[in-house]
Structures are given as structure tokens and as C-alpha cells.
PDB file of N, CA and C in Angstrom:
ATOM      1  N   MET A   1     132.626  42.506  33.929  1.00  0.00           N
ATOM      2  CA  MET A   1     132.301  41.943  35.229  1.00  0.00           C
ATOM      3  C   MET A   1     130.914  41.310  35.162  1.00  0.00           C
ATOM      4  N   LYS A   2     130.799  40.135  35.767  1.00  0.00           N
ATOM      5  CA  LYS A   2     129.525  39.422  35.775  1.00  0.00           C
ATOM      6  C   LYS A   2     128.523  40.132  36.664  1.00  0.00           C
ATOM      7  N   SER A   3     127.261  39.969  36.289  1.00  0.00           N
ATOM      8  CA  SER A   3     126.204  40.533  37.128  1.00  0.00           C
ATOM      9  C   SER A   3     126.087  39.715  38.413  1.00  0.00           C
ATOM     10  N   PHE A   4     125.447  40.317  39.396  1.00  0.00           N
ATOM     11  CA  PHE A   4     125.255  39.624  40.671  1.00  0.00           C
ATOM     12  C   PHE A   4     124.489  38.315  40.455  1.00  0.00           C
ATOM     13  N   GLY A   5     123.480  38.361  39.624  1.00  0.00           N
ATOM     14  CA  GLY A   5     122.683  37.166  39.342  1.00  0.00           C
ATOM     15  C   GLY A   5     123.525  36.050  38.738  1.00  0.00           C
ATOM     16  N   ASP A   6     124.430  36.420  37.806  1.00  0.00           N
ATOM     17  CA  ASP A   6     125.312  35.417  37.197  1.00  0.00           C
ATOM     18  C   ASP A   6     126.298  34.857  38.222  1.00  0.00           C
ATOM     19  N   GLN A   7     126.779  35.715  39.112  1.00  0.00           N
ATOM     20  CA  GLN A   7     127.690  35.251  40.153  1.00  0.00           C
ATOM     21  C   GLN A   7     126.991  34.258  41.091  1.00  0.00           C
ATOM     22  N   VAL A   8     125.764  34.547  41.451  1.00  0.00           N
ATOM     23  CA  VAL A   8     124.995  33.653  42.323  1.00  0.00           C
ATOM     24  C   VAL A   8     124.733  32.327  41.607  1.00  0.00           C
ATOM     25  N   LYS A   9     124.395  32.411  40.315  1.00  0.00           N
ATOM     26  CA  LYS A   9     124.153  31.193  39.528  1.00  0.00           C
ATOM     27  C   LYS A   9     125.424  30.344  39.463  1.00  0.00           C
ATOM     28  N   ASP A  10     126.576  30.961  39.198  1.00  0.00           N
ATOM     29  CA  ASP A  10     127.847  30.237  39.155  1.00  0.00           C
ATOM     30  C   ASP A  10     128.154  29.583  40.496  1.00  0.00           C
ATOM     31  N   TRP A  11     127.929  30.320  41.588  1.00  0.00           N
ATOM     32  CA  TRP A  11     128.182  29.781  42.918  1.00  0.00           C
ATOM     33  C   TRP A  11     127.280  28.572  43.175  1.00  0.00           C
ATOM     34  N   GLY A  12     126.010  28.673  42.801  1.00  0.00           N
ATOM     35  CA  GLY A  12     125.072  27.570  42.993  1.00  0.00           C
ATOM     36  C   GLY A  12     125.479  26.327  42.209  1.00  0.00           C
ATOM     37  N   GLU A  13     125.923  26.520  40.973  1.00  0.00           N
ATOM     38  CA  GLU A  13     126.369  25.387  40.149  1.00  0.00           C
ATOM     39  C   GLU A  13     127.626  24.744  40.737  1.00  0.00           C
ATOM     40  N   LYS A  14     128.529  25.567  41.226  1.00  0.00           N
ATOM     41  CA  LYS A  14     129.756  25.051  41.852  1.00  0.00           C
ATOM     42  C   LYS A  14     129.401  24.250  43.110  1.00  0.00           C
ATOM     43  N   ALA A  15     128.485  24.776  43.917  1.00  0.00           N
ATOM     44  CA  ALA A  15     128.075  24.084  45.144  1.00  0.00           C
ATOM     45  C   ALA A  15     127.410  22.751  44.805  1.00  0.00           C
ATOM     46  N   GLU A  16     126.612  22.705  43.753  1.00  0.00           N
ATOM     47  CA  GLU A  16     125.951  21.457  43.359  1.00  0.00           C
ATOM     48  C   GLU A  16     126.970  20.432  42.865  1.00  0.00           C
ATOM     49  N   ARG A  17     127.955  20.878  42.085  1.00  0.00           N
ATOM     50  CA  ARG A  17     129.007  19.962  41.619  1.00  0.00           C
ATOM     51  C   ARG A  17     129.805  19.407  42.802  1.00  0.00           C
ATOM     52  N   ALA A  18     130.118  20.264  43.753  1.00  0.00           N
ATOM     53  CA  ALA A  18     130.878  19.829  44.926  1.00  0.00           C
ATOM     54  C   ALA A  18     130.065  18.842  45.762  1.00  0.00           C
ATOM     55  N   THR A  19     128.791  19.119  45.933  1.00  0.00           N
ATOM     56  CA  THR A  19     127.929  18.239  46.719  1.00  0.00           C
ATOM     57  C   THR A  19     127.812  16.871  46.051  1.00  0.00           C
ATOM     58  N   LEU A  20     127.640  16.854  44.744  1.00  0.00           N
ATOM     59  CA  LEU A  20     127.559  15.589  44.015  1.00  0.00           C
ATOM     60  C   LEU A  20     128.871  14.816  44.125  1.00  0.00           C
ATOM     61  N   ALA A  21     129.984  15.512  44.021  1.00  0.00           N
ATOM     62  CA  ALA A  21     131.284  14.854  44.133  1.00  0.00           C
ATOM     63  C   ALA A  21     131.470  14.246  45.524  1.00  0.00           C
ATOM     64  N   VAL A  22     131.069  14.959  46.567  1.00  0.00           N
ATOM     65  CA  VAL A  22     131.177  14.432  47.939  1.00  0.00           C
ATOM     66  C   VAL A  22     130.238  13.241  48.111  1.00  0.00           C
ATOM     67  N   PHE A  23     129.026  13.333  47.585  1.00  0.00           N
ATOM     68  CA  PHE A  23     128.048  12.243  47.658  1.00  0.00           C
ATOM     69  C   PHE A  23     128.601  10.970  47.026  1.00  0.00           C
ATOM     70  N   ARG A  24     129.137  11.099  45.833  1.00  0.00           N
ATOM     71  CA  ARG A  24     129.664   9.929  45.130  1.00  0.00           C
ATOM     72  C   ARG A  24     130.931   9.386  45.792  1.00  0.00           C
ATOM     73  N   ASP A  25     131.857  10.277  46.138  1.00  0.00           N
ATOM     74  CA  ASP A  25     133.115   9.833  46.739  1.00  0.00           C
ATOM     75  C   ASP A  25     132.878   9.189  48.098  1.00  0.00           C
ATOM     76  N   SER A  26     132.020   9.769  48.917  1.00  0.00           N
ATOM     77  CA  SER A  26     131.732   9.203  50.232  1.00  0.00           C
ATOM     78  C   SER A  26     131.123   7.811  50.101  1.00  0.00           C
ATOM     79  N   SER A  27     130.220   7.660  49.155  1.00  0.00           N
ATOM     80  CA  SER A  27     129.585   6.358  48.941  1.00  0.00           C
ATOM     81  C   SER A  27     130.606   5.326  48.479  1.00  0.00           C
ATOM     82  N   GLN A  28     131.517   5.731  47.603  1.00  0.00           N
ATOM     83  CA  GLN A  28     132.566   4.820  47.140  1.00  0.00           C
ATOM     84  C   GLN A  28     133.504   4.441  48.286  1.00  0.00           C
ATOM     85  N   GLN A  29     133.855   5.409  49.110  1.00  0.00           N
ATOM     86  CA  GLN A  29     134.745   5.129  50.230  1.00  0.00           C
ATOM     87  C   GLN A  29     134.084   4.204  51.248  1.00  0.00           C
ATOM     88  N   LEU A  30     132.768   4.367  51.454  1.00  0.00           N
ATOM     89  CA  LEU A  30     132.037   3.472  52.346  1.00  0.00           C
ATOM     90  C   LEU A  30     132.087   2.040  51.809  1.00  0.00           C
ATOM     91  N   ALA A  31     131.846   1.883  50.504  1.00  0.00           N
ATOM     92  CA  ALA A  31     131.899   0.555  49.886  1.00  0.00           C
ATOM     93  C   ALA A  31     133.297  -0.038  50.008  1.00  0.00           C
ATOM     94  N   THR A  32     134.299   0.768  49.771  1.00  0.00           N
ATOM     95  CA  THR A  32     135.683   0.301  49.864  1.00  0.00           C
ATOM     96  C   THR A  32     136.010  -0.147  51.285  1.00  0.00           C
ATOM     97  N   GLU A  33     135.619   0.649  52.255  1.00  0.00           N
ATOM     98  CA  GLU A  33     135.899   0.297  53.650  1.00  0.00           C
ATOM     99  C   GLU A  33     135.174  -0.989  54.048  1.00  0.00           C
ATOM    100  N   ALA A  34     133.916  -1.123  53.667  1.00  0.00           N
ATOM    101  CA  ALA A  34     133.154  -2.323  54.014  1.00  0.00           C
ATOM    102  C   ALA A  34     133.739  -3.571  53.372  1.00  0.00           C
ATOM    103  N   ASN A  35     134.363  -3.421  52.232  1.00  0.00           N
ATOM    104  CA  ASN A  35     134.889  -4.566  51.483  1.00  0.00           C
ATOM    105  C   ASN A  35     136.393  -4.781  51.701  1.00  0.00           C
ATOM    106  N   THR A  36     136.994  -4.048  52.631  1.00  0.00           N
ATOM    107  CA  THR A  36     138.422  -4.201  52.908  1.00  0.00           C
ATOM    108  C   THR A  36     138.654  -5.469  53.732  1.00  0.00           C
ATOM    109  N   PRO A  37     139.525  -6.353  53.244  1.00  0.00           N
ATOM    110  CA  PRO A  37     139.787  -7.614  53.949  1.00  0.00           C
ATOM    111  C   PRO A  37     140.386  -7.399  55.340  1.00  0.00           C
ATOM    112  N   ARG A  38     140.146  -8.346  56.196  1.00  0.00           N
ATOM    113  CA  ARG A  38     140.666  -8.299  57.565  1.00  0.00           C
ATOM    114  C   ARG A  38     142.188  -8.233  57.592  1.00  0.00           C
ATOM    115  N   ASP A  39     142.847  -8.929  56.681  1.00  0.00           N
ATOM    116  CA  ASP A  39     144.323  -8.920  56.695  1.00  0.00           C
ATOM    117  C   ASP A  39     144.908  -7.609  56.160  1.00  0.00           C
ATOM    118  N   ARG A  40     144.032  -6.701  55.716  1.00  0.00           N
ATOM    119  CA  ARG A  40     144.475  -5.361  55.277  1.00  0.00           C
ATOM    120  C   ARG A  40     143.892  -4.274  56.171  1.00  0.00           C
ATOM    121  N   GLY A  41     143.448  -4.665  57.368  1.00  0.00           N
ATOM    122  CA  GLY A  41     142.949  -3.693  58.336  1.00  0.00           C
ATOM    123  C   GLY A  41     141.452  -3.493  58.330  1.00  0.00           C
ATOM    124  N   GLY A  42     140.726  -4.202  57.482  1.00  0.00           N
ATOM    125  CA  GLY A  42     139.274  -4.078  57.431  1.00  0.00           C
ATOM    126  C   GLY A  42     138.586  -5.151  58.250  1.00  0.00           C
ATOM    127  N   ASN A  43     137.319  -5.358  57.970  1.00  0.00           N
ATOM    128  CA  ASN A  43     136.530  -6.338  58.705  1.00  0.00           C
ATOM    129  C   ASN A  43     135.942  -7.429  57.819  1.00  0.00           C
ATOM    130  N   MET A  44     136.245  -7.397  56.526  1.00  0.00           N
ATOM    131  CA  MET A  44     135.703  -8.382  55.587  1.00  0.00           C
ATOM    132  C   MET A  44     136.505  -9.672  55.675  1.00  0.00           C
ATOM    133  N   PRO A  45     135.835 -10.780  56.054  1.00  0.00           N
ATOM    134  CA  PRO A  45     136.547 -12.058  56.057  1.00  0.00           C
ATOM    135  C   PRO A  45     136.738 -12.536  54.621  1.00  0.00           C
ATOM    136  N   VAL A  46     137.905 -13.040  54.317  1.00  0.00           N
ATOM    137  CA  VAL A  46     138.174 -13.528  52.963  1.00  0.00           C
ATOM    138  C   VAL A  46     138.761 -14.934  53.056  1.00  0.00           C
ATOM    139  N   ASP A  47     138.061 -15.864  52.437  1.00  0.00           N
ATOM    140  CA  ASP A  47     138.555 -17.232  52.320  1.00  0.00           C
ATOM    141  C   ASP A  47     138.821 -17.482  50.840  1.00  0.00           C
ATOM    142  N   THR A  48     137.746 -17.544  50.059  1.00  0.00           N
ATOM    143  CA  THR A  48     137.889 -17.734  48.614  1.00  0.00           C
ATOM    144  C   THR A  48     137.774 -16.423  47.852  1.00  0.00           C
ATOM    145  N   GLY A  49     137.227 -15.389  48.497  1.00  0.00           N
ATOM    146  CA  GLY A  49     137.009 -14.102  47.825  1.00  0.00           C
ATOM    147  C   GLY A  49     135.624 -13.977  47.208  1.00  0.00           C
ATOM    148  N   PHE A  50     134.806 -15.033  47.290  1.00  0.00           N
ATOM    149  CA  PHE A  50     133.472 -14.995  46.681  1.00  0.00           C
ATOM    150  C   PHE A  50     132.582 -13.949  47.337  1.00  0.00           C
ATOM    151  N   LEU A  51     132.566 -13.904  48.665  1.00  0.00           N
ATOM    152  CA  LEU A  51     131.745 -12.923  49.373  1.00  0.00           C
ATOM    153  C   LEU A  51     132.154 -11.514  48.974  1.00  0.00           C
ATOM    154  N   ARG A  52     133.414 -11.231  49.066  1.00  0.00           N
ATOM    155  CA  ARG A  52     133.934  -9.900  48.728  1.00  0.00           C
ATOM    156  C   ARG A  52     133.596  -9.531  47.283  1.00  0.00           C
ATOM    157  N   GLY A  53     133.723 -10.493  46.385  1.00  0.00           N
ATOM    158  CA  GLY A  53     133.427 -10.266  44.975  1.00  0.00           C
ATOM    159  C   GLY A  53     131.956 -10.146  44.657  1.00  0.00           C
ATOM    160  N   SER A  54     131.104 -10.508  45.621  1.00  0.00           N
ATOM    161  CA  SER A  54     129.667 -10.454  45.360  1.00  0.00           C
ATOM    162  C   SER A  54     129.066  -9.088  45.682  1.00  0.00           C
ATOM    163  N   MET A  55     129.893  -8.121  46.085  1.00  0.00           N
ATOM    164  CA  MET A  55     129.361  -6.792  46.389  1.00  0.00           C
ATOM    165  C   MET A  55     128.811  -6.145  45.128  1.00  0.00           C
ATOM    166  N   GLY A  56     127.624  -5.597  45.265  1.00  0.00           N
ATOM    167  CA  GLY A  56     127.002  -4.908  44.143  1.00  0.00           C
ATOM    168  C   GLY A  56     126.245  -3.691  44.632  1.00  0.00           C
ATOM    169  N   ALA A  57     125.741  -2.927  43.693  1.00  0.00           N
ATOM    170  CA  ALA A  57     124.983  -1.722  44.027  1.00  0.00           C
ATOM    171  C   ALA A  57     123.882  -1.517  43.000  1.00  0.00           C
ATOM    172  N   SER A  58     122.897  -0.737  43.393  1.00  0.00           N
ATOM    173  CA  SER A  58     121.766  -0.441  42.515  1.00  0.00           C
ATOM    174  C   SER A  58     121.124   0.859  42.971  1.00  0.00           C
ATOM    175  N   LEU A  59     120.443   1.518  42.061  1.00  0.00           N
ATOM    176  CA  LEU A  59     119.664   2.711  42.403  1.00  0.00           C
ATOM    177  C   LEU A  59     118.184   2.356  42.571  1.00  0.00           C
ATOM    178  N   GLN A  60     117.799   1.110  42.263  1.00  0.00           N
ATOM    179  CA  GLN A  60     116.391   0.690  42.313  1.00  0.00           C
ATOM    180  C   GLN A  60     116.027  -0.097  43.566  1.00  0.00           C
ATOM    181  N   GLY A  61     116.959  -0.760  44.190  1.00  0.00           N
ATOM    182  CA  GLY A  61     116.682  -1.585  45.360  1.00  0.00           C
ATOM    183  C   GLY A  61     117.913  -2.410  45.678  1.00  0.00           C
ATOM    184  N   MET A  62     117.787  -3.254  46.676  1.00  0.00           N
ATOM    185  CA  MET A  62     118.942  -4.051  47.086  1.00  0.00           C
ATOM    186  C   MET A  62     119.482  -4.860  45.913  1.00  0.00           C
ATOM    187  N   PRO A  63     120.801  -4.965  45.821  1.00  0.00           N
ATOM    188  CA  PRO A  63     121.423  -5.667  44.708  1.00  0.00           C
ATOM    189  C   PRO A  63     121.036  -7.143  44.661  1.00  0.00           C
ATOM    190  N   ALA A  64     120.956  -7.638  43.451  1.00  0.00           N
ATOM    191  CA  ALA A  64     120.683  -9.053  43.210  1.00  0.00           C
ATOM    192  C   ALA A  64     121.842  -9.612  42.394  1.00  0.00           C
ATOM    193  N   GLU A  65     121.827 -10.914  42.190  1.00  0.00           N
ATOM    194  CA  GLU A  65     122.860 -11.576  41.384  1.00  0.00           C
ATOM    195  C   GLU A  65     123.043 -10.829  40.065  1.00  0.00           C
ATOM    196  N   GLY A  66     124.276 -10.562  39.695  1.00  0.00           N
ATOM    197  CA  GLY A  66     124.560  -9.889  38.429  1.00  0.00           C
ATOM    198  C   GLY A  66     124.455  -8.377  38.475  1.00  0.00           C
ATOM    199  N   THR A  67     124.265  -7.808  39.662  1.00  0.00           N
ATOM    200  CA  THR A  67     124.176  -6.359  39.810  1.00  0.00           C
ATOM    201  C   THR A  67     125.540  -5.729  39.542  1.00  0.00           C
ATOM    202  N   GLN A  68     125.517  -4.488  39.117  1.00  0.00           N
ATOM    203  CA  GLN A  68     126.758  -3.773  38.802  1.00  0.00           C
ATOM    204  C   GLN A  68     127.575  -3.486  40.062  1.00  0.00           C
ATOM    205  N   PRO A  69     128.891  -3.336  39.905  1.00  0.00           N
ATOM    206  CA  PRO A  69     129.716  -2.936  41.054  1.00  0.00           C
ATOM    207  C   PRO A  69     129.395  -1.490  41.454  1.00  0.00           C
ATOM    208  N   PRO A  70     129.625  -1.144  42.730  1.00  0.00           N
ATOM    209  CA  PRO A  70     129.305   0.205  43.204  1.00  0.00           C
ATOM    210  C   PRO A  70     129.891   1.322  42.352  1.00  0.00           C
ATOM    211  N   SER A  71     131.125   1.178  41.894  1.00  0.00           N
ATOM    212  CA  SER A  71     131.764   2.268  41.148  1.00  0.00           C
ATOM    213  C   SER A  71     130.974   2.640  39.895  1.00  0.00           C
ATOM    214  N   LEU A  72     130.396   1.670  39.212  1.00  0.00           N
ATOM    215  CA  LEU A  72     129.605   1.968  38.008  1.00  0.00           C
ATOM    216  C   LEU A  72     128.269   2.608  38.352  1.00  0.00           C
ATOM    217  N   VAL A  73     127.643   2.138  39.409  1.00  0.00           N
ATOM    218  CA  VAL A  73     126.361   2.701  39.829  1.00  0.00           C
ATOM    219  C   VAL A  73     126.541   4.136  40.301  1.00  0.00           C
ATOM    220  N   LEU A  74     127.629   4.399  41.010  1.00  0.00           N
ATOM    221  CA  LEU A  74     127.868   5.744  41.534  1.00  0.00           C
ATOM    222  C   LEU A  74     128.062   6.767  40.418  1.00  0.00           C
ATOM    223  N   LEU A  75     128.577   6.346  39.290  1.00  0.00           N
ATOM    224  CA  LEU A  75     128.729   7.265  38.156  1.00  0.00           C
ATOM    225  C   LEU A  75     127.375   7.735  37.630  1.00  0.00           C
ATOM    226  N   GLN A  76     126.337   6.927  37.848  1.00  0.00           N
ATOM    227  CA  GLN A  76     124.988   7.257  37.379  1.00  0.00           C
ATOM    228  C   GLN A  76     124.164   7.988  38.442  1.00  0.00           C
ATOM    229  N   ALA A  77     124.614   7.932  39.693  1.00  0.00           N
ATOM    230  CA  ALA A  77     123.840   8.498  40.801  1.00  0.00           C
ATOM    231  C   ALA A  77     123.766  10.011  40.717  1.00  0.00           C
ATOM    232  N   LYS A  78     122.579  10.517  41.034  1.00  0.00           N
ATOM    233  CA  LYS A  78     122.342  11.958  41.083  1.00  0.00           C
ATOM    234  C   LYS A  78     122.003  12.328  42.520  1.00  0.00           C
ATOM    235  N   LEU A  79     122.128  13.595  42.843  1.00  0.00           N
ATOM    236  CA  LEU A  79     121.754  14.045  44.183  1.00  0.00           C
ATOM    237  C   LEU A  79     120.291  13.692  44.430  1.00  0.00           C
ATOM    238  N   GLY A  80     120.023  13.164  45.588  1.00  0.00           N
ATOM    239  CA  GLY A  80     118.667  12.756  45.944  1.00  0.00           C
ATOM    240  C   GLY A  80     118.390  11.281  45.709  1.00  0.00           C
ATOM    241  N   ASP A  81     119.262  10.607  44.938  1.00  0.00           N
ATOM    242  CA  ASP A  81     119.092   9.171  44.708  1.00  0.00           C
ATOM    243  C   ASP A  81     119.437   8.395  45.974  1.00  0.00           C
ATOM    244  N   SER A  82     118.794   7.251  46.124  1.00  0.00           N
ATOM    245  CA  SER A  82     119.191   6.290  47.153  1.00  0.00           C
ATOM    246  C   SER A  82     120.096   5.272  46.484  1.00  0.00           C
ATOM    247  N   ILE A  83     121.206   4.992  47.119  1.00  0.00           N
ATOM    248  CA  ILE A  83     122.145   3.999  46.591  1.00  0.00           C
ATOM    249  C   ILE A  83     122.063   2.780  47.506  1.00  0.00           C
ATOM    250  N   TYR A  84     121.738   1.659  46.919  1.00  0.00           N
ATOM    251  CA  TYR A  84     121.648   0.413  47.667  1.00  0.00           C
ATOM    252  C   TYR A  84     122.904  -0.398  47.383  1.00  0.00           C
ATOM    253  N   MET A  85     123.614  -0.775  48.442  1.00  0.00           N
ATOM    254  CA  MET A  85     124.812  -1.596  48.290  1.00  0.00           C
ATOM    255  C   MET A  85     124.688  -2.810  49.199  1.00  0.00           C
ATOM    256  N   GLY A  86     125.198  -3.923  48.706  1.00  0.00           N
ATOM    257  CA  GLY A  86     125.156  -5.137  49.504  1.00  0.00           C
ATOM    258  C   GLY A  86     125.894  -6.258  48.809  1.00  0.00           C
ATOM    259  N   TRP A  87     125.841  -7.421  49.416  1.00  0.00           N
ATOM    260  CA  TRP A  87     126.537  -8.595  48.906  1.00  0.00           C
ATOM    261  C   TRP A  87     125.497  -9.637  48.526  1.00  0.00           C
ATOM    262  N   THR A  88     125.675 -10.258  47.383  1.00  0.00           N
ATOM    263  CA  THR A  88     124.682 -11.203  46.883  1.00  0.00           C
ATOM    264  C   THR A  88     124.989 -12.655  47.246  1.00  0.00           C
ATOM    265  N   ALA A  89     126.148 -12.925  47.838  1.00  0.00           N
ATOM    266  CA  ALA A  89     126.446 -14.291  48.280  1.00  0.00           C
ATOM    267  C   ALA A  89     125.375 -14.710  49.288  1.00  0.00           C
ATOM    268  N   ASN A  90     124.861 -15.931  49.146  1.00  0.00           N
ATOM    269  CA  ASN A  90     123.751 -16.361  49.998  1.00  0.00           C
ATOM    270  C   ASN A  90     124.109 -16.414  51.486  1.00  0.00           C
ATOM    271  N   TYR A  91     125.370 -16.421  51.840  1.00  0.00           N
ATOM    272  CA  TYR A  91     125.783 -16.476  53.238  1.00  0.00           C
ATOM    273  C   TYR A  91     126.249 -15.110  53.765  1.00  0.00           C
ATOM    274  N   ALA A  92     126.056 -14.065  52.989  1.00  0.00           N
ATOM    275  CA  ALA A  92     126.541 -12.732  53.370  1.00  0.00           C
ATOM    276  C   ALA A  92     125.965 -12.265  54.703  1.00  0.00           C
ATOM    277  N   ILE A  93     124.682 -12.485  54.920  1.00  0.00           N
ATOM    278  CA  ILE A  93     124.056 -12.005  56.157  1.00  0.00           C
ATOM    279  C   ILE A  93     124.667 -12.685  57.388  1.00  0.00           C
ATOM    280  N   TYR A  94     125.004 -13.960  57.265  1.00  0.00           N
ATOM    281  CA  TYR A  94     125.616 -14.676  58.382  1.00  0.00           C
ATOM    282  C   TYR A  94     127.011 -14.130  58.679  1.00  0.00           C
ATOM    283  N   MET A  95     127.760 -13.833  57.620  1.00  0.00           N
ATOM    284  CA  MET A  95     129.107 -13.283  57.806  1.00  0.00           C
ATOM    285  C   MET A  95     129.031 -11.865  58.367  1.00  0.00           C
ATOM    286  N   GLU A  96     128.024 -11.103  57.953  1.00  0.00           N
ATOM    287  CA  GLU A  96     127.838  -9.754  58.498  1.00  0.00           C
ATOM    288  C   GLU A  96     127.551  -9.831  59.996  1.00  0.00           C
ATOM    289  N   HIS A  97     126.703 -10.760  60.398  1.00  0.00           N
ATOM    290  CA  HIS A  97     126.402 -10.901  61.830  1.00  0.00           C
ATOM    291  C   HIS A  97     127.653 -11.275  62.619  1.00  0.00           C
ATOM    292  N   LYS A  98     128.511 -12.076  62.042  1.00  0.00           N
ATOM    293  CA  LYS A  98     129.719 -12.521  62.735  1.00  0.00           C
ATOM    294  C   LYS A  98     130.828 -11.461  62.743  1.00  0.00           C
ATOM    295  N   TYR A  99     131.035 -10.774  61.607  1.00  0.00           N
ATOM    296  CA  TYR A  99     132.180  -9.869  61.462  1.00  0.00           C
ATOM    297  C   TYR A  99     131.818  -8.385  61.412  1.00  0.00           C
ATOM    298  N   GLY A 100     130.574  -8.050  61.062  1.00  0.00           N
ATOM    299  CA  GLY A 100     130.125  -6.664  61.072  1.00  0.00           C
ATOM    300  C   GLY A 100     130.785  -5.745  60.059  1.00  0.00           C
ATOM    301  N   PHE A 101     131.229  -6.271  58.931  1.00  0.00           N
ATOM    302  CA  PHE A 101     131.948  -5.441  57.955  1.00  0.00           C
ATOM    303  C   PHE A 101     131.106  -4.286  57.422  1.00  0.00           C
ATOM    304  N   ALA A 102     129.819  -4.494  57.238  1.00  0.00           N
ATOM    305  CA  ALA A 102     128.956  -3.413  56.726  1.00  0.00           C
ATOM    306  C   ALA A 102     128.643  -2.396  57.822  1.00  0.00           C
ATOM    307  N   ARG A 103     128.176  -2.890  58.952  1.00  0.00           N
ATOM    308  CA  ARG A 103     127.776  -1.947  60.006  1.00  0.00           C
ATOM    309  C   ARG A 103     128.960  -1.204  60.616  1.00  0.00           C
ATOM    310  N   LEU A 104     130.127  -1.837  60.671  1.00  0.00           N
ATOM    311  CA  LEU A 104     131.293  -1.129  61.197  1.00  0.00           C
ATOM    312  C   LEU A 104     131.759  -0.039  60.231  1.00  0.00           C
ATOM    313  N   ALA A 105     131.646  -0.286  58.941  1.00  0.00           N
ATOM    314  CA  ALA A 105     131.976   0.757  57.962  1.00  0.00           C
ATOM    315  C   ALA A 105     130.961   1.893  58.065  1.00  0.00           C
ATOM    316  N   GLU A 106     129.695   1.552  58.207  1.00  0.00           N
ATOM    317  CA  GLU A 106     128.636   2.565  58.295  1.00  0.00           C
ATOM    318  C   GLU A 106     128.826   3.466  59.510  1.00  0.00           C
ATOM    319  N   GLN A 107     129.348   2.912  60.584  1.00  0.00           N
ATOM    320  CA  GLN A 107     129.584   3.725  61.778  1.00  0.00           C
ATOM    321  C   GLN A 107     130.633   4.808  61.542  1.00  0.00           C
ATOM    322  N   ASN A 108     131.416   4.666  60.483  1.00  0.00           N
ATOM    323  CA  ASN A 108     132.433   5.666  60.139  1.00  0.00           C
ATOM    324  C   ASN A 108     131.931   6.681  59.104  1.00  0.00           C
ATOM    325  N   TRP A 109     130.625   6.685  58.823  1.00  0.00           N
ATOM    326  CA  TRP A 109     130.073   7.530  57.765  1.00  0.00           C
ATOM    327  C   TRP A 109     130.461   8.999  57.923  1.00  0.00           C
ATOM    328  N   ASN A 110     130.317   9.557  59.112  1.00  0.00           N
ATOM    329  CA  ASN A 110     130.635  10.980  59.293  1.00  0.00           C
ATOM    330  C   ASN A 110     132.099  11.272  58.985  1.00  0.00           C
ATOM    331  N   SER A 111     132.982  10.403  59.424  1.00  0.00           N
ATOM    332  CA  SER A 111     134.407  10.565  59.146  1.00  0.00           C
ATOM    333  C   SER A 111     134.696  10.419  57.649  1.00  0.00           C
ATOM    334  N   ILE A 112     134.027   9.476  57.017  1.00  0.00           N
ATOM    335  CA  ILE A 112     134.189   9.270  55.570  1.00  0.00           C
ATOM    336  C   ILE A 112     133.758  10.521  54.810  1.00  0.00           C
ATOM    337  N   VAL A 113     132.617  11.089  55.195  1.00  0.00           N
ATOM    338  CA  VAL A 113     132.127  12.306  54.526  1.00  0.00           C
ATOM    339  C   VAL A 113     133.095  13.461  54.756  1.00  0.00           C
ATOM    340  N   ASP A 114     133.593  13.615  55.977  1.00  0.00           N
ATOM    341  CA  ASP A 114     134.552  14.689  56.269  1.00  0.00           C
ATOM    342  C   ASP A 114     135.786  14.576  55.379  1.00  0.00           C
ATOM    343  N   LYS A 115     136.296  13.360  55.208  1.00  0.00           N
ATOM    344  CA  LYS A 115     137.466  13.152  54.348  1.00  0.00           C
ATOM    345  C   LYS A 115     137.145  13.469  52.894  1.00  0.00           C
ATOM    346  N   SER A 116     135.943  13.110  52.452  1.00  0.00           N
ATOM    347  CA  SER A 116     135.544  13.408  51.070  1.00  0.00           C
ATOM    348  C   SER A 116     135.404  14.909  50.854  1.00  0.00           C
ATOM    349  N   VAL A 117     134.860  15.597  51.841  1.00  0.00           N
ATOM    350  CA  VAL A 117     134.733  17.069  51.745  1.00  0.00           C
ATOM    351  C   VAL A 117     136.115  17.682  51.588  1.00  0.00           C
ATOM    352  N   ALA A 118     137.064  17.246  52.403  1.00  0.00           N
ATOM    353  CA  ALA A 118     138.427  17.791  52.321  1.00  0.00           C
ATOM    354  C   ALA A 118     139.063  17.501  50.967  1.00  0.00           C
ATOM    355  N   LYS A 119     138.804  16.314  50.447  1.00  0.00           N
ATOM    356  CA  LYS A 119     139.369  15.919  49.145  1.00  0.00           C
ATOM    357  C   LYS A 119     138.784  16.756  48.007  1.00  0.00           C
ATOM    358  N   VAL A 120     137.476  16.987  48.059  1.00  0.00           N
ATOM    359  CA  VAL A 120     136.772  17.678  46.975  1.00  0.00           C
ATOM    360  C   VAL A 120     136.942  19.189  47.056  1.00  0.00           C
ATOM    361  N   LYS A 121     137.115  19.702  48.259  1.00  0.00           N
ATOM    362  CA  LYS A 121     137.125  21.145  48.505  1.00  0.00           C
ATOM    363  C   LYS A 121     137.966  21.945  47.539  1.00  0.00           C
ATOM    364  N   GLY A 122     139.195  21.526  47.319  1.00  0.00           N
ATOM    365  CA  GLY A 122     140.089  22.282  46.458  1.00  0.00           C
ATOM    366  C   GLY A 122     140.003  21.931  44.976  1.00  0.00           C
ATOM    367  N   ARG A 123     139.253  20.888  44.632  1.00  0.00           N
ATOM    368  CA  ARG A 123     139.210  20.441  43.236  1.00  0.00           C
ATOM    369  C   ARG A 123     138.100  21.053  42.412  1.00  0.00           C
ATOM    370  N   ILE A 124     137.067  21.571  43.029  1.00  0.00           N
ATOM    371  CA  ILE A 124     135.934  22.130  42.287  1.00  0.00           C
ATOM    372  C   ILE A 124     136.211  23.611  42.018  1.00  0.00           C
ATOM    373  N   LYS A 125     136.278  23.940  40.741  1.00  0.00           N
ATOM    374  CA  LYS A 125     136.542  25.332  40.331  1.00  0.00           C
ATOM    375  C   LYS A 125     135.321  25.914  39.652  1.00  0.00           C
TER     376      LYS A 125
END
């Protein structure tokens, strides 16, 4: 039988793994929701797909041209990191003001986190 100290250490490691998984999954789901086209139930306008394809992420600051996609950045993210996500198309801010794809996704943050918690809850052993 493990000592109490070892049991507490195991519990702490499990909690940290679960928290990291929720952090990464929630961030990915937020990016996915913000980038979901209007014809698929989202708020992202799609004409040529350039705006949607310009989504990027970074751990250092707002994304610039050639920035990695969110999924790759999230694999590198650690608890406590700030994840910056955005669109590098020069007209992105105008489309955001008109359609609100980023801010409307952000308003669902609590629901997104709740869904990620439920998803991760049974998977961390």
C-alpha cells in the first residue's frame, strides 16, 4: 500500500494532467467555434476561405503572418501560459466588427470549459 504522501503526490499529478488537458481542449474548442463558417452554424463569414485560413496562434504575442495553427501551439502550451489567437488577414478586424465570430465564441467560454471538463473527467487515470 502506498504511503499517504505518495497518494497525495499521485493525486496532485493527476489533477495537474487533468487541468492541462482541460486548458488545451477548451482553447482548441474556442478556436474551432470562432472559425466555424456561418453555413455550418458558426459566425465566420467565408467567401474565398482566406480569412478562415489565416487563423494562427502564438505563446509570445498576437499571431503574425506565417504563425502556426492553434492546434500546434496548444501542444506546446503549459499551465500558466497565455495563448494568443487571431487572424492575420488584413481585413480580419473589419469582418470581426461586422460578424463577431471571435467575440461571440468568447462569450461561450464558460460553456466550452464545462464541456471540456466533462470530456476529460473520465479519461485521466
